[in-house]
Amino acid sequence: MIPLVYHTSYSRLVLPPKHQFPITKYAHLRQYLLERGLVSESQFVSPEPVTATDIILIHDNDYVNAFLQGTLSPAAIRRLGFPWSDDLVIRTLHSLGGTVRCARLALNHGVALHLAGGYHHAHRDFGSGYCVFNDLVLAARLMINEGRAEKVMIVDCDVHQGDGTATLCADMDDVISVSLHCDANFPSRKPPSDYDVPLARGLDDKGYLDTLCQTLSYLIRLEKPDVILYDAGVDIHRDDKLGYLEVSTRGLLERDLMVLGMAKKADIPLAAVIGGGYSANPLHLSERHSQLFIAANRLWEQNN
């Protein structure tokens, strides 16, 4: 049974009217998966919040304390994209804890899925693009520090480059950052990941999947990671309002089957987060994110 990590705080955040971030998508996705029989209640586990001690393994101590105490500057809050609140702190600590727990569960189950995560725009001393702290790098760092892995590969398939992941991993030889992203998209400044694959606007299913297959098959053989952390952002979808690629819903499924299938074939545990996805229609967004869970079911549940 595939473990699924979720916490009610993920969607329990009040945002200003007309804010473009779809904060309810996490609760909608959970309900969508249950109603369609794609998952069961017994699969869900709840994370513990991470601590400040955990976070300062990768983030600046002053930045961490300012966020937790609510003393960030107005400029820092604007760059973050969310208004500060106690609920944001609770959500942030639990969502980071969710990715950490997801990674640990993947080591025991082969795969685990987190119904949140993918905060790849968070840098050492500031947050950006709705990302406060970097859950992917933190989970990788903790697994290595705890002796659970020697090398972790972050495979980021969100449409936006993981600039925060890139800067945080710049001096980490044991955490490999891989980013496939639309080149002409946020962020405007893209610091180098270990491996960047910039994609042209308008790229379709075939072009995307061919590029991903060549990239990932090569890097798995080259780097031989002990664990893969996969950001399965669905903002590559052709109808995503922040995306600019032309990948279909079927293309999302084929992408997730490819990434999960390569990890399974290589016997590498994989922990996945749902990453970005932007739509005013909760049903459309849930359908796109659900492809990750459909892919996992096909590869693990039916073959074990």
Protein backbone atom coordinates (compact mmCIF):
# COMPACT_ATOMS: atom_id res chain seq x y z
CA MET A 1 0.00 0.00 0.00
CA ILE A 2 1.45 3.33 -1.09
CA PRO A 3 1.77 5.83 1.79
CA LEU A 4 0.19 9.25 1.22
CA VAL A 5 1.19 12.22 3.36
CA TYR A 6 -1.35 14.98 4.07
CA HIS A 7 -2.22 17.56 6.73
CA THR A 8 -5.34 19.70 7.03
CA SER A 9 -3.24 22.86 7.48
CA TYR A 10 -2.25 22.75 3.78
CA SER A 11 -5.51 24.38 2.68
CA ARG A 12 -6.32 26.15 5.96
CA LEU A 13 -4.90 29.51 4.99
CA VAL A 14 -6.93 32.66 4.37
CA LEU A 15 -5.63 34.66 1.42
CA PRO A 16 -6.75 38.05 0.11
CA PRO A 17 -9.61 38.11 -2.43
CA LYS A 18 -8.46 37.34 -6.01
CA HIS A 19 -5.11 35.98 -4.83
CA GLN A 20 -3.92 33.72 -7.64
CA PHE A 21 -2.55 30.90 -5.51
CA PRO A 22 -5.08 28.00 -5.39
CA ILE A 23 -4.74 27.33 -1.68
CA THR A 24 -7.76 24.98 -1.55
CA LYS A 25 -6.28 22.58 -4.09
CA TYR A 26 -4.77 20.28 -1.46
CA ALA A 27 -8.08 19.56 0.24
CA HIS A 28 -9.83 19.29 -3.14
CA LEU A 29 -7.22 16.81 -4.37
CA ARG A 30 -7.59 14.59 -1.32
CA GLN A 31 -11.37 14.51 -1.75
CA TYR A 32 -11.07 13.91 -5.50
CA LEU A 33 -8.77 10.93 -5.00
CA LEU A 34 -11.05 9.38 -2.39
CA GLU A 35 -14.27 9.91 -4.32
CA ARG A 36 -12.86 8.26 -7.43
CA GLY A 37 -11.47 5.29 -5.56
CA LEU A 38 -7.89 6.11 -6.48
CA VAL A 39 -6.81 5.98 -2.83
CA SER A 40 -8.22 4.84 0.50
CA GLU A 41 -8.36 6.56 3.88
CA SER A 42 -6.03 3.94 5.32
CA GLN A 43 -3.19 5.15 3.09
CA PHE A 44 -3.03 8.62 4.62
CA VAL A 45 -0.48 9.50 7.27
CA SER A 46 -0.05 12.85 8.98
CA PRO A 47 3.33 14.59 9.30
CA GLU A 48 4.92 16.15 12.33
CA PRO A 49 6.07 19.76 11.94
CA VAL A 50 9.77 20.33 11.39
CA THR A 51 11.68 22.37 13.95
CA ALA A 52 13.76 25.52 13.59
CA THR A 53 16.80 23.35 14.30
CA ASP A 54 15.93 21.28 11.25
CA ILE A 55 15.37 24.27 9.00
CA ILE A 56 18.65 26.03 9.83
CA LEU A 57 20.50 23.06 8.42
CA ILE A 58 19.93 24.71 5.03
CA HIS A 59 18.49 28.19 5.76
CA ASP A 60 19.87 31.32 7.39
CA ASN A 61 19.15 31.46 11.11
CA ASP A 62 18.04 35.12 11.09
CA TYR A 63 15.64 34.51 8.19
CA VAL A 64 14.17 31.44 9.89
CA ASN A 65 13.61 33.29 13.17
CA ALA A 66 12.13 36.35 11.44
CA PHE A 67 9.59 34.19 9.65
CA LEU A 68 8.64 32.17 12.73
CA GLN A 69 8.31 35.31 14.88
CA GLY A 70 6.45 37.36 12.27
CA THR A 71 9.13 40.03 11.89
CA LEU A 72 9.90 39.72 8.17
CA SER A 73 10.17 43.05 6.38
CA PRO A 74 7.31 44.15 4.09
CA ALA A 75 9.64 43.67 1.11
CA ALA A 76 10.41 40.10 2.17
CA ILE A 77 6.72 39.34 2.56
CA ARG A 78 5.95 40.77 -0.90
CA ARG A 79 8.67 38.62 -2.43
CA LEU A 80 7.28 35.59 -0.65
CA GLY A 81 3.82 36.17 -2.15
CA PHE A 82 1.80 35.24 0.94
CA PRO A 83 0.72 37.55 3.77
CA TRP A 84 2.30 36.46 7.04
CA SER A 85 0.03 34.79 9.61
CA ASP A 86 0.16 32.18 12.34
CA ASP A 87 -1.65 29.82 9.96
CA LEU A 88 1.09 30.29 7.39
CA VAL A 89 3.68 29.28 9.98
CA ILE A 90 1.70 26.16 10.94
CA ARG A 91 1.16 25.25 7.29
CA THR A 92 4.82 25.78 6.43
CA LEU A 93 6.19 23.66 9.26
CA HIS A 94 3.78 20.81 8.54
CA SER A 95 4.27 20.88 4.78
CA LEU A 96 8.04 20.66 5.22
CA GLY A 97 7.49 17.87 7.70
CA GLY A 98 5.29 16.18 5.10
CA THR A 99 8.05 16.03 2.51
CA VAL A 100 10.54 14.80 5.11
CA ARG A 101 8.15 12.04 6.20
CA CYS A 102 7.39 11.19 2.58
CA ALA A 103 11.10 10.70 1.90
CA ARG A 104 11.54 8.44 4.92
CA LEU A 105 8.48 6.39 3.96
CA ALA A 106 9.78 5.95 0.43
CA LEU A 107 12.85 4.18 1.79
CA ASN A 108 10.61 1.51 3.34
CA HIS A 109 7.91 1.27 0.66
CA GLY A 110 9.76 2.05 -2.55
CA VAL A 111 7.47 5.01 -3.22
CA ALA A 112 5.55 7.57 -1.17
CA LEU A 113 3.48 10.57 -2.28
CA HIS A 114 2.96 13.94 -0.62
CA LEU A 115 -0.20 15.96 -1.33
CA ALA A 116 1.79 19.20 -1.09
CA GLY A 117 5.43 20.29 -1.34
CA GLY A 118 7.78 21.44 -4.05
CA TYR A 119 8.93 24.77 -2.55
CA HIS A 120 11.84 25.13 -4.94
CA HIS A 121 11.97 28.96 -5.04
CA ALA A 122 13.04 29.23 -1.38
CA HIS A 123 16.65 30.40 -1.06
CA ARG A 124 18.95 30.34 1.95
CA ASP A 125 17.92 33.72 3.35
CA PHE A 126 14.67 34.61 1.61
CA GLY A 127 11.46 33.11 0.30
CA SER A 128 10.02 33.65 -3.16
CA GLY A 129 7.21 32.53 -5.42
CA TYR A 130 4.98 31.16 -2.60
CA CYS A 131 7.90 29.16 -1.18
CA VAL A 132 9.01 29.94 2.39
CA PHE A 133 11.55 27.17 3.04
CA ASN A 134 12.87 24.53 0.64
CA ASP A 135 11.31 21.20 1.56
CA LEU A 136 13.13 19.21 -1.15
CA VAL A 137 16.62 20.23 -0.09
CA LEU A 138 15.75 19.88 3.60
CA ALA A 139 14.45 16.33 3.11
CA ALA A 140 17.57 15.43 1.14
CA ARG A 141 19.89 16.95 3.76
CA LEU A 142 18.15 15.18 6.64
CA MET A 143 18.22 11.78 4.93
CA ILE A 144 21.94 12.11 4.30
CA ASN A 145 22.72 13.45 7.78
CA GLU A 146 20.73 10.60 9.34
CA GLY A 147 22.68 8.01 7.36
CA ARG A 148 19.66 6.93 5.33
CA ALA A 149 21.28 7.86 2.00
CA GLU A 150 24.66 8.92 0.63
CA LYS A 151 23.41 10.70 -2.50
CA VAL A 152 19.98 12.17 -3.26
CA MET A 153 18.77 13.39 -6.64
CA ILE A 154 16.08 16.07 -6.84
CA VAL A 155 14.22 15.72 -10.14
CA ASP A 156 12.23 18.92 -10.62
CA CYS A 157 9.63 18.77 -13.41
CA ASP A 158 7.71 21.87 -12.35
CA VAL A 159 7.40 24.35 -15.23
CA HIS A 160 9.46 26.91 -13.31
CA GLN A 161 13.17 26.49 -12.70
CA GLY A 162 14.06 25.52 -9.14
CA ASP A 163 16.26 28.52 -8.49
CA GLY A 164 16.24 28.13 -4.71
CA THR A 165 17.12 24.46 -4.99
CA ALA A 166 19.95 25.38 -7.36
CA THR A 167 21.53 27.90 -4.99
CA LEU A 168 21.10 25.74 -1.89
CA CYS A 169 22.65 22.71 -3.60
CA ALA A 170 25.53 24.62 -5.18
CA ASP A 171 27.98 23.47 -2.49
CA MET A 172 26.42 20.06 -1.83
CA ASP A 173 28.16 17.27 -3.73
CA ASP A 174 25.76 14.69 -2.28
CA VAL A 175 22.51 16.42 -3.38
CA ILE A 176 22.09 16.56 -7.16
CA SER A 177 19.68 19.17 -8.52
CA VAL A 178 17.97 18.51 -11.86
CA SER A 179 15.49 20.99 -13.35
CA LEU A 180 13.41 20.61 -16.54
CA HIS A 181 11.60 23.90 -17.00
CA CYS A 182 10.20 26.40 -19.48
CA ASP A 183 13.10 28.70 -20.25
CA ALA A 184 11.02 31.83 -20.90
CA ASN A 185 9.24 31.80 -17.55
CA PHE A 186 9.68 32.73 -13.88
CA PRO A 187 12.23 33.22 -12.39
CA SER A 188 13.90 35.71 -14.71
CA ARG A 189 17.30 34.98 -13.17
CA LYS A 190 18.06 31.26 -13.20
CA PRO A 191 21.12 30.27 -11.19
CA PRO A 192 22.65 27.03 -12.46
CA SER A 193 21.37 23.72 -11.15
CA ASP A 194 23.67 20.71 -11.38
CA TYR A 195 21.68 19.86 -14.51
CA ASP A 196 19.34 22.35 -16.19
CA VAL A 197 17.16 21.42 -19.16
CA PRO A 198 15.52 24.61 -20.50
CA LEU A 199 12.47 23.94 -22.66
CA ALA A 200 11.02 26.17 -25.38
CA ARG A 201 7.56 27.67 -25.02
CA GLY A 202 4.88 25.60 -26.71
CA LEU A 203 6.69 22.25 -26.34
CA ASP A 204 4.19 19.38 -26.79
CA ASP A 205 3.87 15.90 -25.28
CA LYS A 206 6.31 14.17 -27.62
CA GLY A 207 9.00 16.82 -27.33
CA TYR A 208 8.68 16.95 -23.55
CA LEU A 209 8.66 13.18 -23.02
CA ASP A 210 11.56 12.56 -25.42
CA THR A 211 13.67 15.15 -23.61
CA LEU A 212 12.77 13.80 -20.19
CA CYS A 213 13.52 10.21 -21.18
CA GLN A 214 16.96 11.05 -22.54
CA THR A 215 17.81 13.25 -19.56
CA LEU A 216 16.65 11.05 -16.73
CA SER A 217 17.86 7.73 -18.09
CA TYR A 218 21.32 9.24 -18.54
CA LEU A 219 21.46 10.92 -15.12
CA ILE A 220 20.29 7.85 -13.20
CA ARG A 221 23.12 5.84 -14.77
CA LEU A 222 25.64 8.64 -14.25
CA GLU A 223 24.83 9.75 -10.70
CA LYS A 224 23.46 6.49 -9.22
CA PRO A 225 21.40 8.19 -6.48
CA ASP A 226 20.20 6.30 -3.43
CA VAL A 227 16.90 8.23 -3.38
CA ILE A 228 14.99 10.39 -5.86
CA LEU A 229 12.86 13.33 -4.73
CA TYR A 230 10.43 14.10 -7.56
CA ASP A 231 8.62 17.42 -8.00
CA ALA A 232 5.64 16.49 -10.19
CA GLY A 233 4.39 19.99 -10.88
CA VAL A 234 1.42 20.07 -13.26
CA ASP A 235 1.95 23.66 -14.39
CA ILE A 236 3.49 22.20 -17.55
CA HIS A 237 -0.13 21.52 -18.62
CA ARG A 238 -1.30 23.38 -21.72
CA ASP A 239 -4.19 24.98 -19.81
CA ASP A 240 -2.17 26.12 -16.81
CA LYS A 241 -2.33 29.87 -16.51
CA LEU A 242 1.36 30.18 -15.54
CA GLY A 243 2.81 27.44 -17.71
CA TYR A 244 3.44 28.21 -21.41
CA LEU A 245 4.01 24.58 -22.42
CA GLU A 246 1.58 22.41 -24.42
CA VAL A 247 1.55 19.18 -22.41
CA SER A 248 -1.81 17.38 -22.22
CA THR A 249 -3.36 15.54 -19.28
CA ARG A 250 -2.32 12.30 -20.99
CA GLY A 251 1.18 13.75 -21.23
CA LEU A 252 1.20 14.35 -17.48
CA LEU A 253 0.38 10.68 -16.89
CA GLU A 254 3.06 9.53 -19.32
CA ARG A 255 5.59 11.80 -17.61
CA ASP A 256 4.78 10.43 -14.16
CA LEU A 257 4.81 6.83 -15.40
CA MET A 258 8.23 7.49 -16.93
CA VAL A 259 9.82 9.03 -13.83
CA LEU A 260 8.33 6.54 -11.40
CA GLY A 261 8.98 3.65 -13.77
CA MET A 262 12.66 4.50 -14.20
CA ALA A 263 13.11 4.74 -10.44
CA LYS A 264 11.34 1.42 -9.92
CA LYS A 265 13.37 -0.33 -12.62
CA ALA A 266 16.60 0.97 -11.08
CA ASP A 267 15.38 -0.02 -7.58
CA ILE A 268 15.71 3.55 -6.33
CA PRO A 269 13.19 4.70 -3.68
CA LEU A 270 11.18 7.69 -4.87
CA ALA A 271 9.31 10.32 -2.87
CA ALA A 272 7.06 12.62 -4.90
CA VAL A 273 5.53 16.01 -4.13
CA ILE A 274 2.73 17.51 -6.22
CA GLY A 275 4.44 20.84 -6.94
CA GLY A 276 2.86 23.71 -8.84
CA GLY A 277 -0.41 23.90 -10.71
CA TYR A 278 -2.57 26.97 -11.31
CA SER A 279 -6.21 27.02 -12.33
CA ALA A 280 -9.37 28.68 -11.05
CA ASN A 281 -11.22 25.39 -11.56
CA PRO A 282 -10.55 23.00 -8.64
CA LEU A 283 -11.84 19.99 -10.59
CA HIS A 284 -9.45 20.57 -13.49
CA LEU A 285 -6.54 21.03 -11.13
CA SER A 286 -7.38 17.90 -9.14
CA GLU A 287 -7.59 15.87 -12.34
CA ARG A 288 -4.12 17.02 -13.38
CA HIS A 289 -2.53 16.31 -10.00
CA SER A 290 -4.29 12.93 -9.80
CA GLN A 291 -2.20 11.61 -12.70
CA LEU A 292 0.71 11.12 -10.28
CA PHE A 293 -1.43 8.87 -8.10
CA ILE A 294 -2.79 6.95 -11.08
CA ALA A 295 0.77 6.36 -12.27
CA ALA A 296 1.90 5.14 -8.85
CA ASN A 297 -1.04 2.76 -8.60
CA ARG A 298 -0.28 1.24 -12.00
CA LEU A 299 3.38 0.72 -11.25
CA TRP A 300 3.24 -0.43 -7.63
CA GLU A 301 -0.20 -1.64 -6.59
CA GLN A 302 -0.92 -3.74 -9.68
CA ASN A 303 2.57 -5.21 -10.02
CA ASN A 304 3.20 -6.25 -6.42
